[in-house]
PDB file of N, CA and C in Angstrom:
ATOM      1  N   MET A   1       5.791   3.787 -37.552  1.00  0.00           N
ATOM      2  CA  MET A   1       5.977   2.626 -38.401  1.00  0.00           C
ATOM      3  C   MET A   1       5.916   3.082 -39.859  1.00  0.00           C
ATOM      4  N   SER A   2       6.829   2.584 -40.673  1.00  0.00           N
ATOM      5  CA  SER A   2       6.858   2.978 -42.081  1.00  0.00           C
ATOM      6  C   SER A   2       5.712   2.311 -42.838  1.00  0.00           C
ATOM      7  N   GLN A   3       5.341   2.927 -43.956  1.00  0.00           N
ATOM      8  CA  GLN A   3       4.262   2.394 -44.785  1.00  0.00           C
ATOM      9  C   GLN A   3       4.600   0.999 -45.307  1.00  0.00           C
ATOM     10  N   GLU A   4       5.870   0.752 -45.606  1.00  0.00           N
ATOM     11  CA  GLU A   4       6.270  -0.539 -46.164  1.00  0.00           C
ATOM     12  C   GLU A   4       5.932  -1.696 -45.233  1.00  0.00           C
ATOM     13  N   ARG A   5       6.004  -1.480 -43.946  1.00  0.00           N
ATOM     14  CA  ARG A   5       5.749  -2.558 -42.990  1.00  0.00           C
ATOM     15  C   ARG A   5       4.261  -2.866 -42.832  1.00  0.00           C
ATOM     16  N   LEU A   6       3.402  -2.034 -43.397  1.00  0.00           N
ATOM     17  CA  LEU A   6       1.970  -2.266 -43.296  1.00  0.00           C
ATOM     18  C   LEU A   6       1.477  -3.319 -44.282  1.00  0.00           C
ATOM     19  N   TYR A   7       2.292  -3.664 -45.258  1.00  0.00           N
ATOM     20  CA  TYR A   7       1.888  -4.615 -46.285  1.00  0.00           C
ATOM     21  C   TYR A   7       2.334  -6.025 -45.924  1.00  0.00           C
ATOM     22  N   ILE A   8       1.456  -6.970 -46.170  1.00  0.00           N
ATOM     23  CA  ILE A   8       1.793  -8.381 -45.988  1.00  0.00           C
ATOM     24  C   ILE A   8       2.089  -8.946 -47.366  1.00  0.00           C
ATOM     25  N   ASP A   9       3.202  -9.582 -47.495  1.00  0.00           N
ATOM     26  CA  ASP A   9       3.593 -10.152 -48.779  1.00  0.00           C
ATOM     27  C   ASP A   9       2.609 -11.248 -49.166  1.00  0.00           C
ATOM     28  N   LYS A  10       1.955 -11.091 -50.316  1.00  0.00           N
ATOM     29  CA  LYS A  10       0.901 -12.043 -50.688  1.00  0.00           C
ATOM     30  C   LYS A  10       1.449 -13.418 -51.024  1.00  0.00           C
ATOM     31  N   GLU A  11       2.662 -13.491 -51.562  1.00  0.00           N
ATOM     32  CA  GLU A  11       3.227 -14.803 -51.870  1.00  0.00           C
ATOM     33  C   GLU A  11       3.584 -15.561 -50.597  1.00  0.00           C
ATOM     34  N   ILE A  12       4.179 -14.857 -49.634  1.00  0.00           N
ATOM     35  CA  ILE A  12       4.521 -15.500 -48.360  1.00  0.00           C
ATOM     36  C   ILE A  12       3.236 -15.918 -47.641  1.00  0.00           C
ATOM     37  N   SER A  13       2.211 -15.072 -47.703  1.00  0.00           N
ATOM     38  CA  SER A  13       0.924 -15.396 -47.101  1.00  0.00           C
ATOM     39  C   SER A  13       0.315 -16.634 -47.758  1.00  0.00           C
ATOM     40  N   TRP A  14       0.425 -16.725 -49.085  1.00  0.00           N
ATOM     41  CA  TRP A  14      -0.102 -17.870 -49.832  1.00  0.00           C
ATOM     42  C   TRP A  14       0.585 -19.156 -49.352  1.00  0.00           C
ATOM     43  N   LEU A  15       1.908 -19.110 -49.210  1.00  0.00           N
ATOM     44  CA  LEU A  15       2.639 -20.297 -48.764  1.00  0.00           C
ATOM     45  C   LEU A  15       2.287 -20.661 -47.325  1.00  0.00           C
ATOM     46  N   ALA A  16       2.081 -19.653 -46.482  1.00  0.00           N
ATOM     47  CA  ALA A  16       1.702 -19.918 -45.093  1.00  0.00           C
ATOM     48  C   ALA A  16       0.332 -20.598 -45.038  1.00  0.00           C
ATOM     49  N   PHE A  17      -0.600 -20.117 -45.871  1.00  0.00           N
ATOM     50  CA  PHE A  17      -1.917 -20.755 -45.938  1.00  0.00           C
ATOM     51  C   PHE A  17      -1.777 -22.205 -46.394  1.00  0.00           C
ATOM     52  N   ASN A  18      -0.970 -22.421 -47.409  1.00  0.00           N
ATOM     53  CA  ASN A  18      -0.808 -23.775 -47.932  1.00  0.00           C
ATOM     54  C   ASN A  18      -0.168 -24.696 -46.896  1.00  0.00           C
ATOM     55  N   GLU A  19       0.688 -24.141 -46.067  1.00  0.00           N
ATOM     56  CA  GLU A  19       1.277 -24.937 -44.987  1.00  0.00           C
ATOM     57  C   GLU A  19       0.196 -25.371 -43.995  1.00  0.00           C
ATOM     58  N   ARG A  20      -0.753 -24.477 -43.718  1.00  0.00           N
ATOM     59  CA  ARG A  20      -1.852 -24.835 -42.817  1.00  0.00           C
ATOM     60  C   ARG A  20      -2.735 -25.933 -43.432  1.00  0.00           C
ATOM     61  N   VAL A  21      -2.921 -25.877 -44.746  1.00  0.00           N
ATOM     62  CA  VAL A  21      -3.688 -26.929 -45.429  1.00  0.00           C
ATOM     63  C   VAL A  21      -2.971 -28.273 -45.264  1.00  0.00           C
ATOM     64  N   LEU A  22      -1.660 -28.272 -45.422  1.00  0.00           N
ATOM     65  CA  LEU A  22      -0.886 -29.505 -45.259  1.00  0.00           C
ATOM     66  C   LEU A  22      -0.964 -30.023 -43.820  1.00  0.00           C
ATOM     67  N   GLN A  23      -0.984 -29.122 -42.859  1.00  0.00           N
ATOM     68  CA  GLN A  23      -1.128 -29.535 -41.460  1.00  0.00           C
ATOM     69  C   GLN A  23      -2.468 -30.229 -41.224  1.00  0.00           C
ATOM     70  N   GLU A  24      -3.512 -29.730 -41.876  1.00  0.00           N
ATOM     71  CA  GLU A  24      -4.824 -30.384 -41.766  1.00  0.00           C
ATOM     72  C   GLU A  24      -4.775 -31.786 -42.371  1.00  0.00           C
ATOM     73  N   ALA A  25      -4.044 -31.929 -43.463  1.00  0.00           N
ATOM     74  CA  ALA A  25      -3.922 -33.248 -44.094  1.00  0.00           C
ATOM     75  C   ALA A  25      -3.177 -34.227 -43.188  1.00  0.00           C
ATOM     76  N   ALA A  26      -2.288 -33.723 -42.378  1.00  0.00           N
ATOM     77  CA  ALA A  26      -1.506 -34.582 -41.491  1.00  0.00           C
ATOM     78  C   ALA A  26      -2.212 -34.859 -40.160  1.00  0.00           C
ATOM     79  N   ASP A  27      -3.284 -34.136 -39.887  1.00  0.00           N
ATOM     80  CA  ASP A  27      -3.997 -34.265 -38.612  1.00  0.00           C
ATOM     81  C   ASP A  27      -4.835 -35.546 -38.602  1.00  0.00           C
ATOM     82  N   LYS A  28      -4.440 -36.489 -37.789  1.00  0.00           N
ATOM     83  CA  LYS A  28      -5.115 -37.789 -37.740  1.00  0.00           C
ATOM     84  C   LYS A  28      -6.515 -37.705 -37.138  1.00  0.00           C
ATOM     85  N   ARG A  29      -6.865 -36.560 -36.580  1.00  0.00           N
ATOM     86  CA  ARG A  29      -8.232 -36.394 -36.065  1.00  0.00           C
ATOM     87  C   ARG A  29      -9.232 -36.199 -37.203  1.00  0.00           C
ATOM     88  N   ASN A  30      -8.749 -35.789 -38.373  1.00  0.00           N
ATOM     89  CA  ASN A  30      -9.620 -35.626 -39.539  1.00  0.00           C
ATOM     90  C   ASN A  30      -9.859 -36.982 -40.190  1.00  0.00           C
ATOM     91  N   PRO A  31     -11.073 -37.209 -40.703  1.00  0.00           N
ATOM     92  CA  PRO A  31     -11.337 -38.472 -41.415  1.00  0.00           C
ATOM     93  C   PRO A  31     -10.395 -38.615 -42.616  1.00  0.00           C
ATOM     94  N   LEU A  32     -10.104 -39.842 -42.961  1.00  0.00           N
ATOM     95  CA  LEU A  32      -9.153 -40.115 -44.039  1.00  0.00           C
ATOM     96  C   LEU A  32      -9.539 -39.422 -45.345  1.00  0.00           C
ATOM     97  N   ILE A  33     -10.811 -39.452 -45.710  1.00  0.00           N
ATOM     98  CA  ILE A  33     -11.235 -38.833 -46.969  1.00  0.00           C
ATOM     99  C   ILE A  33     -10.971 -37.322 -46.952  1.00  0.00           C
ATOM    100  N   GLU A  34     -11.164 -36.685 -45.796  1.00  0.00           N
ATOM    101  CA  GLU A  34     -10.888 -35.248 -45.682  1.00  0.00           C
ATOM    102  C   GLU A  34      -9.392 -34.978 -45.791  1.00  0.00           C
ATOM    103  N   ARG A  35      -8.593 -35.855 -45.216  1.00  0.00           N
ATOM    104  CA  ARG A  35      -7.143 -35.688 -45.298  1.00  0.00           C
ATOM    105  C   ARG A  35      -6.673 -35.787 -46.742  1.00  0.00           C
ATOM    106  N   VAL A  36      -7.263 -36.717 -47.499  1.00  0.00           N
ATOM    107  CA  VAL A  36      -6.922 -36.859 -48.919  1.00  0.00           C
ATOM    108  C   VAL A  36      -7.336 -35.606 -49.680  1.00  0.00           C
ATOM    109  N   ARG A  37      -8.506 -35.064 -49.363  1.00  0.00           N
ATOM    110  CA  ARG A  37      -8.957 -33.821 -50.012  1.00  0.00           C
ATOM    111  C   ARG A  37      -7.997 -32.674 -49.716  1.00  0.00           C
ATOM    112  N   PHE A  38      -7.557 -32.571 -48.463  1.00  0.00           N
ATOM    113  CA  PHE A  38      -6.593 -31.522 -48.113  1.00  0.00           C
ATOM    114  C   PHE A  38      -5.301 -31.678 -48.911  1.00  0.00           C
ATOM    115  N   LEU A  39      -4.868 -32.919 -49.112  1.00  0.00           N
ATOM    116  CA  LEU A  39      -3.664 -33.139 -49.920  1.00  0.00           C
ATOM    117  C   LEU A  39      -3.868 -32.682 -51.360  1.00  0.00           C
ATOM    118  N   GLY A  40      -5.052 -32.907 -51.898  1.00  0.00           N
ATOM    119  CA  GLY A  40      -5.362 -32.439 -53.248  1.00  0.00           C
ATOM    120  C   GLY A  40      -5.344 -30.924 -53.340  1.00  0.00           C
ATOM    121  N   ILE A  41      -5.922 -30.264 -52.341  1.00  0.00           N
ATOM    122  CA  ILE A  41      -5.923 -28.797 -52.302  1.00  0.00           C
ATOM    123  C   ILE A  41      -4.494 -28.285 -52.201  1.00  0.00           C
ATOM    124  N   TYR A  42      -3.715 -28.896 -51.314  1.00  0.00           N
ATOM    125  CA  TYR A  42      -2.317 -28.498 -51.139  1.00  0.00           C
ATOM    126  C   TYR A  42      -1.546 -28.618 -52.453  1.00  0.00           C
ATOM    127  N   SER A  43      -1.715 -29.738 -53.124  1.00  0.00           N
ATOM    128  CA  SER A  43      -1.007 -29.983 -54.378  1.00  0.00           C
ATOM    129  C   SER A  43      -1.401 -28.972 -55.451  1.00  0.00           C
ATOM    130  N   ASN A  44      -2.695 -28.730 -55.608  1.00  0.00           N
ATOM    131  CA  ASN A  44      -3.158 -27.749 -56.596  1.00  0.00           C
ATOM    132  C   ASN A  44      -2.643 -26.351 -56.288  1.00  0.00           C
ATOM    133  N   ASN A  45      -2.684 -25.970 -55.011  1.00  0.00           N
ATOM    134  CA  ASN A  45      -2.190 -24.644 -54.621  1.00  0.00           C
ATOM    135  C   ASN A  45      -0.704 -24.494 -54.935  1.00  0.00           C
ATOM    136  N   LEU A  46       0.064 -25.528 -54.625  1.00  0.00           N
ATOM    137  CA  LEU A  46       1.502 -25.460 -54.862  1.00  0.00           C
ATOM    138  C   LEU A  46       1.813 -25.412 -56.356  1.00  0.00           C
ATOM    139  N   ASP A  47       1.092 -26.188 -57.145  1.00  0.00           N
ATOM    140  CA  ASP A  47       1.268 -26.138 -58.605  1.00  0.00           C
ATOM    141  C   ASP A  47       0.994 -24.740 -59.133  1.00  0.00           C
ATOM    142  N   GLU A  48      -0.121 -24.164 -58.712  1.00  0.00           N
ATOM    143  CA  GLU A  48      -0.474 -22.820 -59.179  1.00  0.00           C
ATOM    144  C   GLU A  48       0.557 -21.792 -58.726  1.00  0.00           C
ATOM    145  N   PHE A  49       1.029 -21.935 -57.494  1.00  0.00           N
ATOM    146  CA  PHE A  49       2.022 -21.001 -56.977  1.00  0.00           C
ATOM    147  C   PHE A  49       3.267 -21.001 -57.858  1.00  0.00           C
ATOM    148  N   TYR A  50       3.775 -22.181 -58.174  1.00  0.00           N
ATOM    149  CA  TYR A  50       4.999 -22.247 -58.976  1.00  0.00           C
ATOM    150  C   TYR A  50       4.773 -21.849 -60.420  1.00  0.00           C
ATOM    151  N   LYS A  51       3.607 -22.129 -60.960  1.00  0.00           N
ATOM    152  CA  LYS A  51       3.331 -21.746 -62.345  1.00  0.00           C
ATOM    153  C   LYS A  51       3.147 -20.242 -62.494  1.00  0.00           C
ATOM    154  N   VAL A  52       2.572 -19.600 -61.497  1.00  0.00           N
ATOM    155  CA  VAL A  52       2.219 -18.185 -61.618  1.00  0.00           C
ATOM    156  C   VAL A  52       3.141 -17.294 -60.797  1.00  0.00           C
ATOM    157  N   ARG A  53       3.099 -17.420 -59.492  1.00  0.00           N
ATOM    158  CA  ARG A  53       3.818 -16.493 -58.604  1.00  0.00           C
ATOM    159  C   ARG A  53       5.335 -16.642 -58.702  1.00  0.00           C
ATOM    160  N   PHE A  54       5.813 -17.867 -58.559  1.00  0.00           N
ATOM    161  CA  PHE A  54       7.251 -18.116 -58.580  1.00  0.00           C
ATOM    162  C   PHE A  54       7.837 -17.744 -59.936  1.00  0.00           C
ATOM    163  N   ALA A  55       7.116 -18.092 -60.989  1.00  0.00           N
ATOM    164  CA  ALA A  55       7.586 -17.764 -62.341  1.00  0.00           C
ATOM    165  C   ALA A  55       7.673 -16.260 -62.544  1.00  0.00           C
ATOM    166  N   ASP A  56       6.724 -15.507 -61.988  1.00  0.00           N
ATOM    167  CA  ASP A  56       6.747 -14.049 -62.125  1.00  0.00           C
ATOM    168  C   ASP A  56       7.945 -13.441 -61.396  1.00  0.00           C
ATOM    169  N   VAL A  57       8.214 -13.912 -60.202  1.00  0.00           N
ATOM    170  CA  VAL A  57       9.369 -13.399 -59.453  1.00  0.00           C
ATOM    171  C   VAL A  57      10.658 -13.728 -60.194  1.00  0.00           C
ATOM    172  N   LYS A  58      10.760 -14.942 -60.697  1.00  0.00           N
ATOM    173  CA  LYS A  58      11.956 -15.349 -61.439  1.00  0.00           C
ATOM    174  C   LYS A  58      12.130 -14.488 -62.694  1.00  0.00           C
ATOM    175  N   ARG A  59      11.021 -14.221 -63.398  1.00  0.00           N
ATOM    176  CA  ARG A  59      11.069 -13.378 -64.599  1.00  0.00           C
ATOM    177  C   ARG A  59      11.567 -11.979 -64.254  1.00  0.00           C
ATOM    178  N   ARG A  60      11.090 -11.429 -63.151  1.00  0.00           N
ATOM    179  CA  ARG A  60      11.520 -10.081 -62.747  1.00  0.00           C
ATOM    180  C   ARG A  60      13.015 -10.041 -62.434  1.00  0.00           C
ATOM    181  N   ILE A  61      13.504 -11.108 -61.835  1.00  0.00           N
ATOM    182  CA  ILE A  61      14.941 -11.165 -61.549  1.00  0.00           C
ATOM    183  C   ILE A  61      15.722 -11.241 -62.857  1.00  0.00           C
ATOM    184  N   LEU A  62      15.259 -12.063 -63.783  1.00  0.00           N
ATOM    185  CA  LEU A  62      15.968 -12.240 -65.054  1.00  0.00           C
ATOM    186  C   LEU A  62      16.012 -10.961 -65.883  1.00  0.00           C
ATOM    187  N   ILE A  63      14.972 -10.138 -65.810  1.00  0.00           N
ATOM    188  CA  ILE A  63      14.997  -8.876 -66.561  1.00  0.00           C
ATOM    189  C   ILE A  63      15.572  -7.747 -65.714  1.00  0.00           C
ATOM    190  N   ASN A  64      16.088  -8.118 -64.547  1.00  0.00           N
ATOM    191  CA  ASN A  64      16.785  -7.182 -63.665  1.00  0.00           C
ATOM    192  C   ASN A  64      15.868  -6.071 -63.162  1.00  0.00           C
ATOM    193  N   GLU A  65      14.646  -6.410 -62.875  1.00  0.00           N
ATOM    194  CA  GLU A  65      13.702  -5.458 -62.302  1.00  0.00           C
ATOM    195  C   GLU A  65      13.852  -5.523 -60.793  1.00  0.00           C
ATOM    196  N   GLU A  66      14.555  -4.592 -60.221  1.00  0.00           N
ATOM    197  CA  GLU A  66      14.908  -4.656 -58.805  1.00  0.00           C
ATOM    198  C   GLU A  66      14.153  -3.660 -57.941  1.00  0.00           C
ATOM    199  N   ARG A  67      12.984  -3.261 -58.338  1.00  0.00           N
ATOM    200  CA  ARG A  67      12.300  -2.270 -57.515  1.00  0.00           C
ATOM    201  C   ARG A  67      11.686  -2.863 -56.258  1.00  0.00           C
ATOM    202  N   GLY A  68      11.564  -4.179 -56.195  1.00  0.00           N
ATOM    203  CA  GLY A  68      11.049  -4.812 -54.990  1.00  0.00           C
ATOM    204  C   GLY A  68       9.539  -4.778 -54.906  1.00  0.00           C
ATOM    205  N   SER A  69       9.023  -5.160 -53.759  1.00  0.00           N
ATOM    206  CA  SER A  69       7.581  -5.222 -53.559  1.00  0.00           C
ATOM    207  C   SER A  69       7.155  -4.163 -52.555  1.00  0.00           C
ATOM    208  N   ARG A  70       5.864  -4.060 -52.335  1.00  0.00           N
ATOM    209  CA  ARG A  70       5.358  -3.075 -51.380  1.00  0.00           C
ATOM    210  C   ARG A  70       5.811  -3.379 -49.960  1.00  0.00           C
ATOM    211  N   SER A  71       6.124  -4.622 -49.682  1.00  0.00           N
ATOM    212  CA  SER A  71       6.579  -4.966 -48.341  1.00  0.00           C
ATOM    213  C   SER A  71       8.023  -4.545 -48.123  1.00  0.00           C
ATOM    214  N   GLY A  72       8.676  -4.087 -49.187  1.00  0.00           N
ATOM    215  CA  GLY A  72      10.017  -3.540 -49.051  1.00  0.00           C
ATOM    216  C   GLY A  72      11.140  -4.503 -49.338  1.00  0.00           C
ATOM    217  N   SER A  73      10.846  -5.747 -49.641  1.00  0.00           N
ATOM    218  CA  SER A  73      11.938  -6.678 -49.906  1.00  0.00           C
ATOM    219  C   SER A  73      12.118  -6.871 -51.402  1.00  0.00           C
ATOM    220  N   SER A  74      13.320  -7.218 -51.790  1.00  0.00           N
ATOM    221  CA  SER A  74      13.625  -7.370 -53.213  1.00  0.00           C
ATOM    222  C   SER A  74      13.087  -8.697 -53.738  1.00  0.00           C
ATOM    223  N   HIS A  75      12.954  -8.783 -55.040  1.00  0.00           N
ATOM    224  CA  HIS A  75      12.463 -10.012 -55.660  1.00  0.00           C
ATOM    225  C   HIS A  75      13.421 -11.173 -55.420  1.00  0.00           C
ATOM    226  N   ALA A  76      14.704 -10.903 -55.379  1.00  0.00           N
ATOM    227  CA  ALA A  76      15.670 -11.974 -55.123  1.00  0.00           C
ATOM    228  C   ALA A  76      15.431 -12.583 -53.748  1.00  0.00           C
ATOM    229  N   ARG A  77      15.181 -11.734 -52.754  1.00  0.00           N
ATOM    230  CA  ARG A  77      14.898 -12.251 -51.417  1.00  0.00           C
ATOM    231  C   ARG A  77      13.596 -13.048 -51.407  1.00  0.00           C
ATOM    232  N   HIS A  78      12.601 -12.575 -52.163  1.00  0.00           N
ATOM    233  CA  HIS A  78      11.342 -13.317 -52.282  1.00  0.00           C
ATOM    234  C   HIS A  78      11.613 -14.708 -52.833  1.00  0.00           C
ATOM    235  N   LEU A  79      12.403 -14.782 -53.880  1.00  0.00           N
ATOM    236  CA  LEU A  79      12.682 -16.054 -54.532  1.00  0.00           C
ATOM    237  C   LEU A  79      13.336 -17.023 -53.558  1.00  0.00           C
ATOM    238  N   ILE A  80      14.266 -16.533 -52.777  1.00  0.00           N
ATOM    239  CA  ILE A  80      14.949 -17.383 -51.799  1.00  0.00           C
ATOM    240  C   ILE A  80      13.977 -17.837 -50.715  1.00  0.00           C
ATOM    241  N   LYS A  81      13.150 -16.915 -50.204  1.00  0.00           N
ATOM    242  CA  LYS A  81      12.193 -17.262 -49.154  1.00  0.00           C
ATOM    243  C   LYS A  81      11.164 -18.271 -49.636  1.00  0.00           C
ATOM    244  N   LYS A  82      10.757 -18.149 -50.896  1.00  0.00           N
ATOM    245  CA  LYS A  82       9.648 -18.937 -51.418  1.00  0.00           C
ATOM    246  C   LYS A  82      10.052 -20.294 -51.938  1.00  0.00           C
ATOM    247  N   ASN A  83      11.328 -20.543 -52.080  1.00  0.00           N
ATOM    248  CA  ASN A  83      11.750 -21.784 -52.706  1.00  0.00           C
ATOM    249  C   ASN A  83      12.001 -22.855 -51.651  1.00  0.00           C
ATOM    250  N   PRO A  84      10.944 -23.576 -51.234  1.00  0.00           N
ATOM    251  CA  PRO A  84      11.121 -24.580 -50.192  1.00  0.00           C
ATOM    252  C   PRO A  84      11.815 -25.842 -50.674  1.00  0.00           C
ATOM    253  N   ILE A  85      11.982 -25.990 -51.974  1.00  0.00           N
ATOM    254  CA  ILE A  85      12.591 -27.208 -52.523  1.00  0.00           C
ATOM    255  C   ILE A  85      14.100 -27.063 -52.552  1.00  0.00           C
TER     256      ILE A  85
END
């Protein structure tokens, strides 16, 4: 196995975690107040992601920095994967 495959992309991992938070918010077995708290966490995480991580990837694309990440994928591919909107 190549070294590149040993790395987990931190941005993709962040989004996967945030998806799990949203699933908790949708779980009707959780009390309503907890579901509202999960929605707040989800919203804050997503705001931070777009302000910091997404903006950094976009900046790298704009300055044509194409060296990619440790996971081996290019920043352009990251941007496409990360843009759920």
